[in-house]
C-alpha atoms as a PDB file:
ATOM      1  CA  UNK A   1     -41.267 -51.795 -33.939  1.00  0.00           C
ATOM      2  CA  UNK A   2     -43.135 -54.406 -31.738  1.00  0.00           C
ATOM      3  CA  UNK A   3     -46.429 -53.164 -33.043  1.00  0.00           C
ATOM      4  CA  UNK A   4     -45.030 -54.073 -36.942  1.00  0.00           C
ATOM      5  CA  UNK A   5     -43.956 -57.449 -35.411  1.00  0.00           C
ATOM      6  CA  UNK A   6     -47.043 -58.702 -33.742  1.00  0.00           C
ATOM      7  CA  UNK A   7     -49.321 -61.096 -34.908  1.00  0.00           C
ATOM      8  CA  UNK A   8     -53.146 -62.329 -34.890  1.00  0.00           C
ATOM      9  CA  UNK A   9     -53.143 -64.453 -31.451  1.00  0.00           C
ATOM     10  CA  UNK A  10     -50.544 -62.297 -29.649  1.00  0.00           C
ATOM     11  CA  UNK A  11     -50.972 -60.292 -26.999  1.00  0.00           C
ATOM     12  CA  UNK A  12     -49.693 -56.875 -26.524  1.00  0.00           C
ATOM     13  CA  UNK A  13     -48.889 -55.928 -22.681  1.00  0.00           C
ATOM     14  CA  UNK A  14     -47.388 -52.023 -22.002  1.00  0.00           C
ATOM     15  CA  UNK A  15     -46.340 -50.921 -18.909  1.00  0.00           C
ATOM     16  CA  UNK A  16     -49.430 -48.171 -18.509  1.00  0.00           C
ATOM     17  CA  UNK A  17     -51.545 -46.860 -21.606  1.00  0.00           C
ATOM     18  CA  UNK A  18     -49.669 -43.515 -22.147  1.00  0.00           C
ATOM     19  CA  UNK A  19     -46.977 -45.822 -23.380  1.00  0.00           C
ATOM     20  CA  UNK A  20     -48.925 -46.246 -26.901  1.00  0.00           C
ATOM     21  CA  UNK A  21     -48.885 -42.799 -27.928  1.00  0.00           C
ATOM     22  CA  UNK A  22     -48.717 -38.793 -27.321  1.00  0.00           C
ATOM     23  CA  UNK A  23     -52.115 -38.318 -27.694  1.00  0.00           C
ATOM     24  CA  UNK A  24     -55.409 -39.532 -27.304  1.00  0.00           C
ATOM     25  CA  UNK A  25     -55.766 -39.917 -30.691  1.00  0.00           C
ATOM     26  CA  UNK A  26     -52.944 -41.675 -31.237  1.00  0.00           C
ATOM     27  CA  UNK A  27     -53.826 -43.974 -28.453  1.00  0.00           C
ATOM     28  CA  UNK A  28     -57.110 -44.908 -29.579  1.00  0.00           C
ATOM     29  CA  UNK A  29     -55.694 -45.410 -33.417  1.00  0.00           C
ATOM     30  CA  UNK A  30     -53.256 -47.716 -31.887  1.00  0.00           C
ATOM     31  CA  UNK A  31     -55.341 -49.616 -29.993  1.00  0.00           C
ATOM     32  CA  UNK A  32     -58.211 -49.757 -32.612  1.00  0.00           C
ATOM     33  CA  UNK A  33     -55.288 -51.131 -35.223  1.00  0.00           C
ATOM     34  CA  UNK A  34     -54.123 -53.955 -32.852  1.00  0.00           C
ATOM     35  CA  UNK A  35     -57.962 -54.958 -32.322  1.00  0.00           C
ATOM     36  CA  UNK A  36     -58.342 -55.166 -35.859  1.00  0.00           C
ATOM     37  CA  UNK A  37     -55.489 -57.337 -36.576  1.00  0.00           C
ATOM     38  CA  UNK A  38     -56.527 -59.647 -33.650  1.00  0.00           C
ATOM     39  CA  UNK A  39     -53.930 -58.753 -31.254  1.00  0.00           C
ATOM     40  CA  UNK A  40     -54.919 -58.375 -27.777  1.00  0.00           C
ATOM     41  CA  UNK A  41     -53.784 -55.299 -25.836  1.00  0.00           C
ATOM     42  CA  UNK A  42     -53.283 -55.330 -22.156  1.00  0.00           C
ATOM     43  CA  UNK A  43     -51.546 -52.808 -19.973  1.00  0.00           C
ATOM     44  CA  UNK A  44     -49.761 -53.916 -16.466  1.00  0.00           C
ATOM     45  CA  UNK A  45     -50.447 -50.658 -14.832  1.00  0.00           C
ATOM     46  CA  UNK A  46     -54.200 -50.358 -15.158  1.00  0.00           C
ATOM     47  CA  UNK A  47     -55.056 -53.701 -15.801  1.00  0.00           C
ATOM     48  CA  UNK A  48     -56.948 -52.929 -18.700  1.00  0.00           C
ATOM     49  CA  UNK A  49     -57.631 -55.825 -21.284  1.00  0.00           C
ATOM     50  CA  UNK A  50     -58.297 -53.703 -24.261  1.00  0.00           C
ATOM     51  CA  UNK A  51     -60.292 -56.790 -26.305  1.00  0.00           C
ATOM     52  CA  UNK A  52     -63.369 -56.546 -24.106  1.00  0.00           C
ATOM     53  CA  UNK A  53     -65.930 -53.118 -24.397  1.00  0.00           C
ATOM     54  CA  UNK A  54     -65.234 -52.501 -20.967  1.00  0.00           C
ATOM     55  CA  UNK A  55     -61.502 -52.290 -21.237  1.00  0.00           C
ATOM     56  CA  UNK A  56     -62.199 -50.441 -24.207  1.00  0.00           C
ATOM     57  CA  UNK A  57     -64.173 -47.677 -22.321  1.00  0.00           C
ATOM     58  CA  UNK A  58     -61.742 -47.719 -19.499  1.00  0.00           C
ATOM     59  CA  UNK A  59     -58.789 -47.326 -21.747  1.00  0.00           C
ATOM     60  CA  UNK A  60     -60.080 -44.382 -23.273  1.00  0.00           C
ATOM     61  CA  UNK A  61     -61.134 -42.803 -20.030  1.00  0.00           C
ATOM     62  CA  UNK A  62     -57.240 -43.231 -18.690  1.00  0.00           C
ATOM     63  CA  UNK A  63     -55.885 -42.139 -22.261  1.00  0.00           C
ATOM     64  CA  UNK A  64     -57.932 -38.951 -21.458  1.00  0.00           C
ATOM     65  CA  UNK A  65     -56.845 -38.536 -18.054  1.00  0.00           C
ATOM     66  CA  UNK A  66     -53.238 -39.015 -19.513  1.00  0.00           C
ATOM     67  CA  UNK A  67     -53.562 -36.566 -22.098  1.00  0.00           C
ATOM     68  CA  UNK A  68     -54.891 -34.144 -19.296  1.00  0.00           C
ATOM     69  CA  UNK A  69     -52.345 -34.495 -16.908  1.00  0.00           C
ATOM     70  CA  UNK A  70     -49.312 -34.054 -19.904  1.00  0.00           C
ATOM     71  CA  UNK A  71     -51.030 -30.684 -20.917  1.00  0.00           C
ATOM     72  CA  UNK A  72     -51.048 -29.972 -17.330  1.00  0.00           C
ATOM     73  CA  UNK A  73     -47.444 -30.581 -16.315  1.00  0.00           C
ATOM     74  CA  UNK A  74     -46.438 -28.724 -20.128  1.00  0.00           C
ATOM     75  CA  UNK A  75     -48.363 -25.437 -18.879  1.00  0.00           C
ATOM     76  CA  UNK A  76     -46.479 -25.679 -15.369  1.00  0.00           C
ATOM     77  CA  UNK A  77     -43.327 -26.081 -17.017  1.00  0.00           C
ATOM     78  CA  UNK A  78     -43.992 -23.163 -19.722  1.00  0.00           C
ATOM     79  CA  UNK A  79     -45.248 -20.957 -16.701  1.00  0.00           C
ATOM     80  CA  UNK A  80     -42.138 -21.794 -14.621  1.00  0.00           C
ATOM     81  CA  UNK A  81     -40.019 -21.283 -17.534  1.00  0.00           C
ATOM     82  CA  UNK A  82     -41.480 -17.585 -17.731  1.00  0.00           C
ATOM     83  CA  UNK A  83     -41.627 -16.634 -14.166  1.00  0.00           C
ATOM     84  CA  UNK A  84     -37.780 -17.483 -14.271  1.00  0.00           C
ATOM     85  CA  UNK A  85     -36.695 -15.560 -17.144  1.00  0.00           C
ATOM     86  CA  UNK A  86     -38.516 -12.527 -15.697  1.00  0.00           C
ATOM     87  CA  UNK A  87     -36.211 -13.233 -12.208  1.00  0.00           C
ATOM     88  CA  UNK A  88     -33.888 -12.757 -15.022  1.00  0.00           C
ATOM     89  CA  UNK A  89     -33.196 -16.490 -14.789  1.00  0.00           C
ATOM     90  CA  UNK A  90     -30.927 -17.953 -17.516  1.00  0.00           C
ATOM     91  CA  UNK A  91     -33.509 -20.718 -19.032  1.00  0.00           C
ATOM     92  CA  UNK A  92     -32.227 -23.869 -21.299  1.00  0.00           C
ATOM     93  CA  UNK A  93     -29.015 -24.619 -22.364  1.00  0.00           C
ATOM     94  CA  UNK A  94     -26.118 -21.564 -21.472  1.00  0.00           C
ATOM     95  CA  UNK A  95     -24.770 -20.322 -24.454  1.00  0.00           C
ATOM     96  CA  UNK A  96     -21.299 -21.502 -25.619  1.00  0.00           C
ATOM     97  CA  UNK A  97     -20.320 -17.965 -26.162  1.00  0.00           C
ATOM     98  CA  UNK A  98     -20.301 -15.038 -24.135  1.00  0.00           C
ATOM     99  CA  UNK A  99     -20.843 -11.964 -26.546  1.00  0.00           C
ATOM    100  CA  UNK A 100     -17.350 -10.656 -25.628  1.00  0.00           C
ATOM    101  CA  UNK A 101     -16.029 -13.960 -27.165  1.00  0.00           C
ATOM    102  CA  UNK A 102     -18.477 -13.680 -30.431  1.00  0.00           C
ATOM    103  CA  UNK A 103     -16.246 -10.380 -30.900  1.00  0.00           C
ATOM    104  CA  UNK A 104     -13.068 -11.579 -30.015  1.00  0.00           C
ATOM    105  CA  UNK A 105     -13.763 -14.171 -32.702  1.00  0.00           C
ATOM    106  CA  UNK A 106     -14.848 -11.641 -35.263  1.00  0.00           C
ATOM    107  CA  UNK A 107     -11.728  -9.530 -34.802  1.00  0.00           C
ATOM    108  CA  UNK A 108      -9.948 -12.545 -35.137  1.00  0.00           C
ATOM    109  CA  UNK A 109     -11.170 -13.848 -38.227  1.00  0.00           C
ATOM    110  CA  UNK A 110     -10.830  -9.951 -39.808  1.00  0.00           C
ATOM    111  CA  UNK A 111      -7.248 -10.317 -38.643  1.00  0.00           C
ATOM    112  CA  UNK A 112      -7.022 -13.531 -41.287  1.00  0.00           C
ATOM    113  CA  UNK A 113      -6.894 -16.280 -38.729  1.00  0.00           C
ATOM    114  CA  UNK A 114      -8.764 -19.457 -39.797  1.00  0.00           C
ATOM    115  CA  UNK A 115     -11.607 -20.729 -38.234  1.00  0.00           C
ATOM    116  CA  UNK A 116      -9.713 -23.634 -36.679  1.00  0.00           C
ATOM    117  CA  UNK A 117      -7.569 -21.281 -34.977  1.00  0.00           C
ATOM    118  CA  UNK A 118     -10.247 -19.249 -33.917  1.00  0.00           C
ATOM    119  CA  UNK A 119     -12.271 -23.169 -32.959  1.00  0.00           C
ATOM    120  CA  UNK A 120      -8.782 -23.905 -30.975  1.00  0.00           C
ATOM    121  CA  UNK A 121      -8.374 -20.973 -29.280  1.00  0.00           C
ATOM    122  CA  UNK A 122     -12.083 -20.626 -28.112  1.00  0.00           C
ATOM    123  CA  UNK A 123     -12.810 -24.331 -27.493  1.00  0.00           C
ATOM    124  CA  UNK A 124     -16.060 -24.653 -29.564  1.00  0.00           C
ATOM    125  CA  UNK A 125     -16.778 -26.889 -32.748  1.00  0.00           C
ATOM    126  CA  UNK A 126     -16.576 -25.434 -35.812  1.00  0.00           C
ATOM    127  CA  UNK A 127     -20.725 -25.641 -36.602  1.00  0.00           C
ATOM    128  CA  UNK A 128     -20.897 -23.347 -32.621  1.00  0.00           C
ATOM    129  CA  UNK A 129     -18.317 -21.019 -33.943  1.00  0.00           C
ATOM    130  CA  UNK A 130     -20.496 -20.349 -37.297  1.00  0.00           C
ATOM    131  CA  UNK A 131     -23.711 -20.351 -35.694  1.00  0.00           C
ATOM    132  CA  UNK A 132     -22.241 -17.006 -33.510  1.00  0.00           C
ATOM    133  CA  UNK A 133     -20.497 -15.625 -36.413  1.00  0.00           C
ATOM    134  CA  UNK A 134     -23.828 -15.987 -38.489  1.00  0.00           C
ATOM    135  CA  UNK A 135     -21.606 -17.212 -41.549  1.00  0.00           C
ATOM    136  CA  UNK A 136     -21.899 -20.186 -43.703  1.00  0.00           C
ATOM    137  CA  UNK A 137     -18.658 -22.581 -44.142  1.00  0.00           C
END
């Protein structure tokens, strides 16, 4: 990782402050660590130089805003998923097997068919079949 290789006197440039971490505390921690190691941090989008007091203040404000924006996006996405589910829409990845296919796989297994044959018939992986059958390999 770049941060492990940066040395005193280096300048680390990031596109945007939110690229340094997922939360305000992580961004501040990384930026402070770089500052203590004598490494200058600059952002290209916001034009922040973390080596100055003003730059650190502005960076804190922008990091707070970025965290707030990420929280809003996550909340909107969760609301959209809940609304889609309430309307009966499929959310997330579609299931690999229908209930009928799972029942068919159980009947095949009870009849003595091998897992390999069942997987080939249903065109699924062993892991998918085991997950749907609720059995361990």
